[in-house]
């Protein structure tokens, strides 16, 4: 069926049993022990003490699209880390619905593939508008640790409203045990939240420390 080693959207590697209208691969629940630092995929290769860290993908898509096109190349790197978040392919509300669903599928295929290869995968949850609730939680584990990002969602009342309503829907549907939160946490968000700082926030703090030393 799949000849010459071509990459048929990774279907040549595995076709996972799926759920929902779009057969989204399932990510199994993960137990999270806490107290781990998460680094962006773009810094994963060079970071130290990998076995006590996790990888997140709350960065621009172009920096990790290559994980989809050549997943096996990155298995040795990923296996050195304690946790791997599923890639946060964008599901912006102004994207065509077909692209949003495709990105949700890719996120879940990679997450399922990494779990199949023995890695602890934390699902990154994302949504766009109300219509996305019909599929954006398909394949996500219930009562598991999950991860979300607020970066880019708090600029303007409409964007913030979409984020908060999607967040509440996530909590209602998935009942997560823990929520690893990347970026600024709106006061309206509830749950067992574990904050991790966004890269630009860490950089701002470092700048303030350096600046204070020169005052």
C-alpha atoms as a PDB file:
ATOM      1  CA  UNK A   1       0.000   0.000   0.000  1.00  0.00           C
ATOM      2  CA  UNK A   2       2.766   2.445   0.959  1.00  0.00           C
ATOM      3  CA  UNK A   3       5.770   1.977  -1.332  1.00  0.00           C
ATOM      4  CA  UNK A   4       9.311   3.271  -1.492  1.00  0.00           C
ATOM      5  CA  UNK A   5       9.382   4.619   2.084  1.00  0.00           C
ATOM      6  CA  UNK A   6       7.353   7.696   1.216  1.00  0.00           C
ATOM      7  CA  UNK A   7       5.817   9.703   4.031  1.00  0.00           C
ATOM      8  CA  UNK A   8       2.050   9.500   3.564  1.00  0.00           C
ATOM      9  CA  UNK A   9       1.266  11.890   6.411  1.00  0.00           C
ATOM     10  CA  UNK A  10       2.970   9.282   8.628  1.00  0.00           C
ATOM     11  CA  UNK A  11       0.278   6.698   7.862  1.00  0.00           C
ATOM     12  CA  UNK A  12       3.089   4.501   6.553  1.00  0.00           C
ATOM     13  CA  UNK A  13       4.331   4.302  10.166  1.00  0.00           C
ATOM     14  CA  UNK A  14       1.069   3.705  11.993  1.00  0.00           C
ATOM     15  CA  UNK A  15      -2.687   4.221  11.726  1.00  0.00           C
ATOM     16  CA  UNK A  16      -3.971   4.608  15.278  1.00  0.00           C
ATOM     17  CA  UNK A  17      -7.534   3.798  16.328  1.00  0.00           C
ATOM     18  CA  UNK A  18      -9.344   7.128  16.458  1.00  0.00           C
ATOM     19  CA  UNK A  19     -12.297   8.760  18.142  1.00  0.00           C
ATOM     20  CA  UNK A  20     -14.873  11.290  17.037  1.00  0.00           C
ATOM     21  CA  UNK A  21     -15.955  12.306  13.574  1.00  0.00           C
ATOM     22  CA  UNK A  22     -12.367  12.738  12.404  1.00  0.00           C
ATOM     23  CA  UNK A  23     -10.782   9.610  13.935  1.00  0.00           C
ATOM     24  CA  UNK A  24      -8.405  11.539  16.181  1.00  0.00           C
ATOM     25  CA  UNK A  25      -5.720   9.280  17.739  1.00  0.00           C
ATOM     26  CA  UNK A  26      -6.025   8.839  21.502  1.00  0.00           C
ATOM     27  CA  UNK A  27      -3.436  10.163  23.963  1.00  0.00           C
ATOM     28  CA  UNK A  28      -3.494   8.055  27.126  1.00  0.00           C
ATOM     29  CA  UNK A  29      -3.508   9.627  30.613  1.00  0.00           C
ATOM     30  CA  UNK A  30      -0.115  10.540  32.072  1.00  0.00           C
ATOM     31  CA  UNK A  31       0.875  10.678  35.722  1.00  0.00           C
ATOM     32  CA  UNK A  32       2.770  13.883  36.482  1.00  0.00           C
ATOM     33  CA  UNK A  33       5.085  13.978  39.477  1.00  0.00           C
ATOM     34  CA  UNK A  34       5.581  17.739  39.406  1.00  0.00           C
ATOM     35  CA  UNK A  35       8.617  19.947  40.062  1.00  0.00           C
ATOM     36  CA  UNK A  36      10.043  19.673  36.556  1.00  0.00           C
ATOM     37  CA  UNK A  37      11.338  22.448  34.321  1.00  0.00           C
ATOM     38  CA  UNK A  38      10.023  22.621  30.759  1.00  0.00           C
ATOM     39  CA  UNK A  39      12.145  23.905  27.894  1.00  0.00           C
ATOM     40  CA  UNK A  40      10.994  24.826  24.419  1.00  0.00           C
ATOM     41  CA  UNK A  41      11.670  22.316  21.667  1.00  0.00           C
ATOM     42  CA  UNK A  42      13.964  24.871  20.026  1.00  0.00           C
ATOM     43  CA  UNK A  43      16.282  24.695  23.071  1.00  0.00           C
ATOM     44  CA  UNK A  44      15.925  20.984  23.850  1.00  0.00           C
ATOM     45  CA  UNK A  45      19.020  19.712  22.068  1.00  0.00           C
ATOM     46  CA  UNK A  46      21.464  21.937  23.946  1.00  0.00           C
ATOM     47  CA  UNK A  47      19.964  21.923  27.433  1.00  0.00           C
ATOM     48  CA  UNK A  48      21.556  20.085  30.361  1.00  0.00           C
ATOM     49  CA  UNK A  49      20.038  17.559  32.791  1.00  0.00           C
ATOM     50  CA  UNK A  50      17.504  16.383  30.258  1.00  0.00           C
ATOM     51  CA  UNK A  51      16.338  13.463  32.372  1.00  0.00           C
ATOM     52  CA  UNK A  52      14.770  15.867  34.890  1.00  0.00           C
ATOM     53  CA  UNK A  53      13.137  18.199  32.364  1.00  0.00           C
ATOM     54  CA  UNK A  54      10.250  18.247  29.940  1.00  0.00           C
ATOM     55  CA  UNK A  55       9.799  19.647  26.433  1.00  0.00           C
ATOM     56  CA  UNK A  56       7.007  22.019  25.458  1.00  0.00           C
ATOM     57  CA  UNK A  57       5.960  23.215  21.998  1.00  0.00           C
ATOM     58  CA  UNK A  58       4.429  26.578  22.899  1.00  0.00           C
ATOM     59  CA  UNK A  59       6.516  28.226  20.193  1.00  0.00           C
ATOM     60  CA  UNK A  60       5.916  29.153  16.557  1.00  0.00           C
ATOM     61  CA  UNK A  61       4.844  26.204  14.408  1.00  0.00           C
ATOM     62  CA  UNK A  62       7.674  26.656  11.915  1.00  0.00           C
ATOM     63  CA  UNK A  63      10.154  25.730  14.651  1.00  0.00           C
ATOM     64  CA  UNK A  64       8.731  22.227  15.095  1.00  0.00           C
ATOM     65  CA  UNK A  65       6.998  21.302  11.833  1.00  0.00           C
ATOM     66  CA  UNK A  66      10.032  19.125  11.157  1.00  0.00           C
ATOM     67  CA  UNK A  67       8.957  16.847  14.017  1.00  0.00           C
ATOM     68  CA  UNK A  68       5.922  15.896  11.925  1.00  0.00           C
ATOM     69  CA  UNK A  69       7.865  15.344   8.725  1.00  0.00           C
ATOM     70  CA  UNK A  70      10.701  13.346  10.350  1.00  0.00           C
ATOM     71  CA  UNK A  71       9.474  12.098  13.716  1.00  0.00           C
ATOM     72  CA  UNK A  72      11.890   9.163  14.027  1.00  0.00           C
ATOM     73  CA  UNK A  73      14.880  11.488  13.852  1.00  0.00           C
ATOM     74  CA  UNK A  74      13.819  13.069  17.155  1.00  0.00           C
ATOM     75  CA  UNK A  75      12.968   9.933  19.136  1.00  0.00           C
ATOM     76  CA  UNK A  76      16.532   9.607  20.577  1.00  0.00           C
ATOM     77  CA  UNK A  77      16.401  13.235  21.771  1.00  0.00           C
ATOM     78  CA  UNK A  78      12.888  12.993  23.199  1.00  0.00           C
ATOM     79  CA  UNK A  79      13.677   9.763  25.034  1.00  0.00           C
ATOM     80  CA  UNK A  80      16.229  11.626  27.185  1.00  0.00           C
ATOM     81  CA  UNK A  81      13.525  13.830  28.733  1.00  0.00           C
ATOM     82  CA  UNK A  82      11.167  13.075  31.601  1.00  0.00           C
ATOM     83  CA  UNK A  83       8.090  14.441  29.803  1.00  0.00           C
ATOM     84  CA  UNK A  84       7.157  15.526  26.295  1.00  0.00           C
ATOM     85  CA  UNK A  85       4.151  17.740  25.637  1.00  0.00           C
ATOM     86  CA  UNK A  86       2.216  17.010  22.470  1.00  0.00           C
ATOM     87  CA  UNK A  87       3.107  19.589  19.779  1.00  0.00           C
ATOM     88  CA  UNK A  88       0.918  22.681  19.926  1.00  0.00           C
ATOM     89  CA  UNK A  89       0.107  23.035  16.223  1.00  0.00           C
ATOM     90  CA  UNK A  90      -1.942  26.210  15.834  1.00  0.00           C
ATOM     91  CA  UNK A  91      -5.739  26.155  15.723  1.00  0.00           C
ATOM     92  CA  UNK A  92      -6.395  29.878  15.306  1.00  0.00           C
ATOM     93  CA  UNK A  93     -10.045  30.809  14.813  1.00  0.00           C
ATOM     94  CA  UNK A  94      -9.253  32.575  11.527  1.00  0.00           C
ATOM     95  CA  UNK A  95      -7.661  29.415  10.075  1.00  0.00           C
ATOM     96  CA  UNK A  96      -9.822  27.336   7.719  1.00  0.00           C
ATOM     97  CA  UNK A  97     -11.560  24.625   9.727  1.00  0.00           C
ATOM     98  CA  UNK A  98      -9.841  21.910   7.692  1.00  0.00           C
ATOM     99  CA  UNK A  99      -6.418  23.221   8.774  1.00  0.00           C
ATOM    100  CA  UNK A 100      -7.498  23.445  12.414  1.00  0.00           C
ATOM    101  CA  UNK A 101      -8.676  19.828  12.402  1.00  0.00           C
ATOM    102  CA  UNK A 102      -5.558  18.691  10.533  1.00  0.00           C
ATOM    103  CA  UNK A 103      -3.363  20.350  13.162  1.00  0.00           C
ATOM    104  CA  UNK A 104      -5.351  18.723  15.961  1.00  0.00           C
ATOM    105  CA  UNK A 105      -4.933  15.353  14.243  1.00  0.00           C
ATOM    106  CA  UNK A 106      -1.166  15.861  13.804  1.00  0.00           C
ATOM    107  CA  UNK A 107      -0.790  16.766  17.475  1.00  0.00           C
ATOM    108  CA  UNK A 108      -2.530  13.573  18.493  1.00  0.00           C
ATOM    109  CA  UNK A 109      -0.782  11.317  16.030  1.00  0.00           C
ATOM    110  CA  UNK A 110       2.600  12.489  17.352  1.00  0.00           C
ATOM    111  CA  UNK A 111       1.452  12.157  20.968  1.00  0.00           C
ATOM    112  CA  UNK A 112       0.207   8.603  20.393  1.00  0.00           C
ATOM    113  CA  UNK A 113       3.382   7.693  18.498  1.00  0.00           C
ATOM    114  CA  UNK A 114       5.608   8.975  21.286  1.00  0.00           C
ATOM    115  CA  UNK A 115       3.602   7.021  23.852  1.00  0.00           C
ATOM    116  CA  UNK A 116       3.916   3.941  21.659  1.00  0.00           C
ATOM    117  CA  UNK A 117       7.674   4.475  21.871  1.00  0.00           C
ATOM    118  CA  UNK A 118       7.658   4.535  25.672  1.00  0.00           C
ATOM    119  CA  UNK A 119       7.570   8.269  26.427  1.00  0.00           C
ATOM    120  CA  UNK A 120       5.492  10.157  28.991  1.00  0.00           C
ATOM    121  CA  UNK A 121       3.332  12.522  26.943  1.00  0.00           C
ATOM    122  CA  UNK A 122       1.455  15.473  28.430  1.00  0.00           C
ATOM    123  CA  UNK A 123      -1.365  16.562  26.098  1.00  0.00           C
ATOM    124  CA  UNK A 124      -1.321  20.212  25.046  1.00  0.00           C
ATOM    125  CA  UNK A 125      -4.927  21.381  24.837  1.00  0.00           C
ATOM    126  CA  UNK A 126      -6.043  24.064  22.401  1.00  0.00           C
ATOM    127  CA  UNK A 127      -9.278  25.318  20.875  1.00  0.00           C
ATOM    128  CA  UNK A 128     -10.372  28.139  18.609  1.00  0.00           C
ATOM    129  CA  UNK A 129     -14.050  29.143  18.705  1.00  0.00           C
ATOM    130  CA  UNK A 130     -17.238  27.526  19.985  1.00  0.00           C
ATOM    131  CA  UNK A 131     -17.548  25.348  16.889  1.00  0.00           C
ATOM    132  CA  UNK A 132     -14.188  23.767  17.669  1.00  0.00           C
ATOM    133  CA  UNK A 133     -15.615  22.218  20.844  1.00  0.00           C
ATOM    134  CA  UNK A 134     -17.169  19.562  18.589  1.00  0.00           C
ATOM    135  CA  UNK A 135     -13.705  18.069  17.899  1.00  0.00           C
ATOM    136  CA  UNK A 136     -10.885  19.890  19.742  1.00  0.00           C
ATOM    137  CA  UNK A 137     -11.131  17.686  22.846  1.00  0.00           C
ATOM    138  CA  UNK A 138     -11.380  14.432  20.895  1.00  0.00           C
ATOM    139  CA  UNK A 139      -8.582  12.037  21.826  1.00  0.00           C
ATOM    140  CA  UNK A 140      -7.644  13.907  25.002  1.00  0.00           C
ATOM    141  CA  UNK A 141      -7.394  11.922  28.267  1.00  0.00           C
ATOM    142  CA  UNK A 142      -9.821  12.499  31.146  1.00  0.00           C
ATOM    143  CA  UNK A 143      -8.580  13.096  34.713  1.00  0.00           C
ATOM    144  CA  UNK A 144      -4.987  13.415  33.488  1.00  0.00           C
ATOM    145  CA  UNK A 145      -2.396  16.143  33.596  1.00  0.00           C
ATOM    146  CA  UNK A 146      -2.803  18.541  30.650  1.00  0.00           C
ATOM    147  CA  UNK A 147      -1.028  21.680  29.443  1.00  0.00           C
ATOM    148  CA  UNK A 148      -2.387  24.966  28.106  1.00  0.00           C
ATOM    149  CA  UNK A 149      -0.898  28.266  26.988  1.00  0.00           C
ATOM    150  CA  UNK A 150      -2.387  31.746  27.293  1.00  0.00           C
ATOM    151  CA  UNK A 151       0.325  33.389  25.173  1.00  0.00           C
ATOM    152  CA  UNK A 152      -1.302  35.578  22.519  1.00  0.00           C
ATOM    153  CA  UNK A 153      -4.825  35.032  23.857  1.00  0.00           C
ATOM    154  CA  UNK A 154      -5.189  37.973  26.221  1.00  0.00           C
ATOM    155  CA  UNK A 155      -4.902  40.816  23.726  1.00  0.00           C
ATOM    156  CA  UNK A 156      -8.412  42.157  23.316  1.00  0.00           C
ATOM    157  CA  UNK A 157     -11.738  41.344  24.932  1.00  0.00           C
ATOM    158  CA  UNK A 158     -12.895  38.957  22.196  1.00  0.00           C
ATOM    159  CA  UNK A 159      -9.700  36.880  22.275  1.00  0.00           C
ATOM    160  CA  UNK A 160      -9.737  36.703  26.067  1.00  0.00           C
ATOM    161  CA  UNK A 161     -13.412  35.661  26.062  1.00  0.00           C
ATOM    162  CA  UNK A 162     -12.724  32.849  23.581  1.00  0.00           C
ATOM    163  CA  UNK A 163      -9.812  31.643  25.680  1.00  0.00           C
ATOM    164  CA  UNK A 164     -11.704  31.680  28.984  1.00  0.00           C
ATOM    165  CA  UNK A 165     -14.808  29.980  27.604  1.00  0.00           C
ATOM    166  CA  UNK A 166     -12.671  27.301  25.933  1.00  0.00           C
ATOM    167  CA  UNK A 167     -10.742  26.844  29.162  1.00  0.00           C
ATOM    168  CA  UNK A 168     -13.945  26.299  31.117  1.00  0.00           C
ATOM    169  CA  UNK A 169     -15.151  23.818  28.507  1.00  0.00           C
ATOM    170  CA  UNK A 170     -11.850  21.949  28.780  1.00  0.00           C
ATOM    171  CA  UNK A 171     -12.199  21.724  32.558  1.00  0.00           C
ATOM    172  CA  UNK A 172     -15.793  20.539  32.214  1.00  0.00           C
ATOM    173  CA  UNK A 173     -15.070  17.870  29.606  1.00  0.00           C
ATOM    174  CA  UNK A 174     -11.663  16.604  30.714  1.00  0.00           C
ATOM    175  CA  UNK A 175     -11.738  17.202  34.483  1.00  0.00           C
ATOM    176  CA  UNK A 176      -7.919  17.428  34.492  1.00  0.00           C
ATOM    177  CA  UNK A 177      -5.969  16.323  37.556  1.00  0.00           C
ATOM    178  CA  UNK A 178      -3.367  19.052  36.947  1.00  0.00           C
ATOM    179  CA  UNK A 179      -3.127  21.916  34.474  1.00  0.00           C
ATOM    180  CA  UNK A 180       0.378  22.984  33.500  1.00  0.00           C
ATOM    181  CA  UNK A 181      -0.095  26.612  32.515  1.00  0.00           C
ATOM    182  CA  UNK A 182       2.356  28.377  30.197  1.00  0.00           C
ATOM    183  CA  UNK A 183       2.094  32.150  30.244  1.00  0.00           C
ATOM    184  CA  UNK A 184       0.044  34.642  32.242  1.00  0.00           C
ATOM    185  CA  UNK A 185      -2.782  33.018  34.217  1.00  0.00           C
ATOM    186  CA  UNK A 186      -6.072  34.945  34.043  1.00  0.00           C
ATOM    187  CA  UNK A 187      -7.677  35.242  37.474  1.00  0.00           C
ATOM    188  CA  UNK A 188     -10.841  33.625  36.095  1.00  0.00           C
ATOM    189  CA  UNK A 189      -9.053  30.309  35.482  1.00  0.00           C
ATOM    190  CA  UNK A 190      -9.644  27.583  38.053  1.00  0.00           C
ATOM    191  CA  UNK A 191      -8.305  24.102  38.732  1.00  0.00           C
ATOM    192  CA  UNK A 192      -5.102  22.535  40.035  1.00  0.00           C
ATOM    193  CA  UNK A 193      -2.855  24.923  38.075  1.00  0.00           C
ATOM    194  CA  UNK A 194       0.916  24.488  37.858  1.00  0.00           C
ATOM    195  CA  UNK A 195       2.472  27.647  36.343  1.00  0.00           C
ATOM    196  CA  UNK A 196       5.525  27.657  34.116  1.00  0.00           C
ATOM    197  CA  UNK A 197       6.984  30.891  32.835  1.00  0.00           C
ATOM    198  CA  UNK A 198       6.904  31.807  29.176  1.00  0.00           C
ATOM    199  CA  UNK A 199      10.335  32.392  27.650  1.00  0.00           C
ATOM    200  CA  UNK A 200       9.740  36.091  27.075  1.00  0.00           C
ATOM    201  CA  UNK A 201       8.733  36.453  30.742  1.00  0.00           C
ATOM    202  CA  UNK A 202      11.957  34.796  31.899  1.00  0.00           C
ATOM    203  CA  UNK A 203      13.902  37.126  29.626  1.00  0.00           C
ATOM    204  CA  UNK A 204      12.073  40.144  31.091  1.00  0.00           C
ATOM    205  CA  UNK A 205      12.940  39.056  34.645  1.00  0.00           C
ATOM    206  CA  UNK A 206      16.605  38.599  33.721  1.00  0.00           C
ATOM    207  CA  UNK A 207      16.641  42.081  32.192  1.00  0.00           C
ATOM    208  CA  UNK A 208      15.142  43.537  35.386  1.00  0.00           C
ATOM    209  CA  UNK A 209      17.752  41.790  37.531  1.00  0.00           C
ATOM    210  CA  UNK A 210      20.577  43.067  35.332  1.00  0.00           C
ATOM    211  CA  UNK A 211      19.054  46.537  35.305  1.00  0.00           C
ATOM    212  CA  UNK A 212      18.740  46.624  39.090  1.00  0.00           C
ATOM    213  CA  UNK A 213      22.384  45.666  39.451  1.00  0.00           C
ATOM    214  CA  UNK A 214      23.313  48.779  37.510  1.00  0.00           C
ATOM    215  CA  UNK A 215      21.078  51.147  39.463  1.00  0.00           C
END
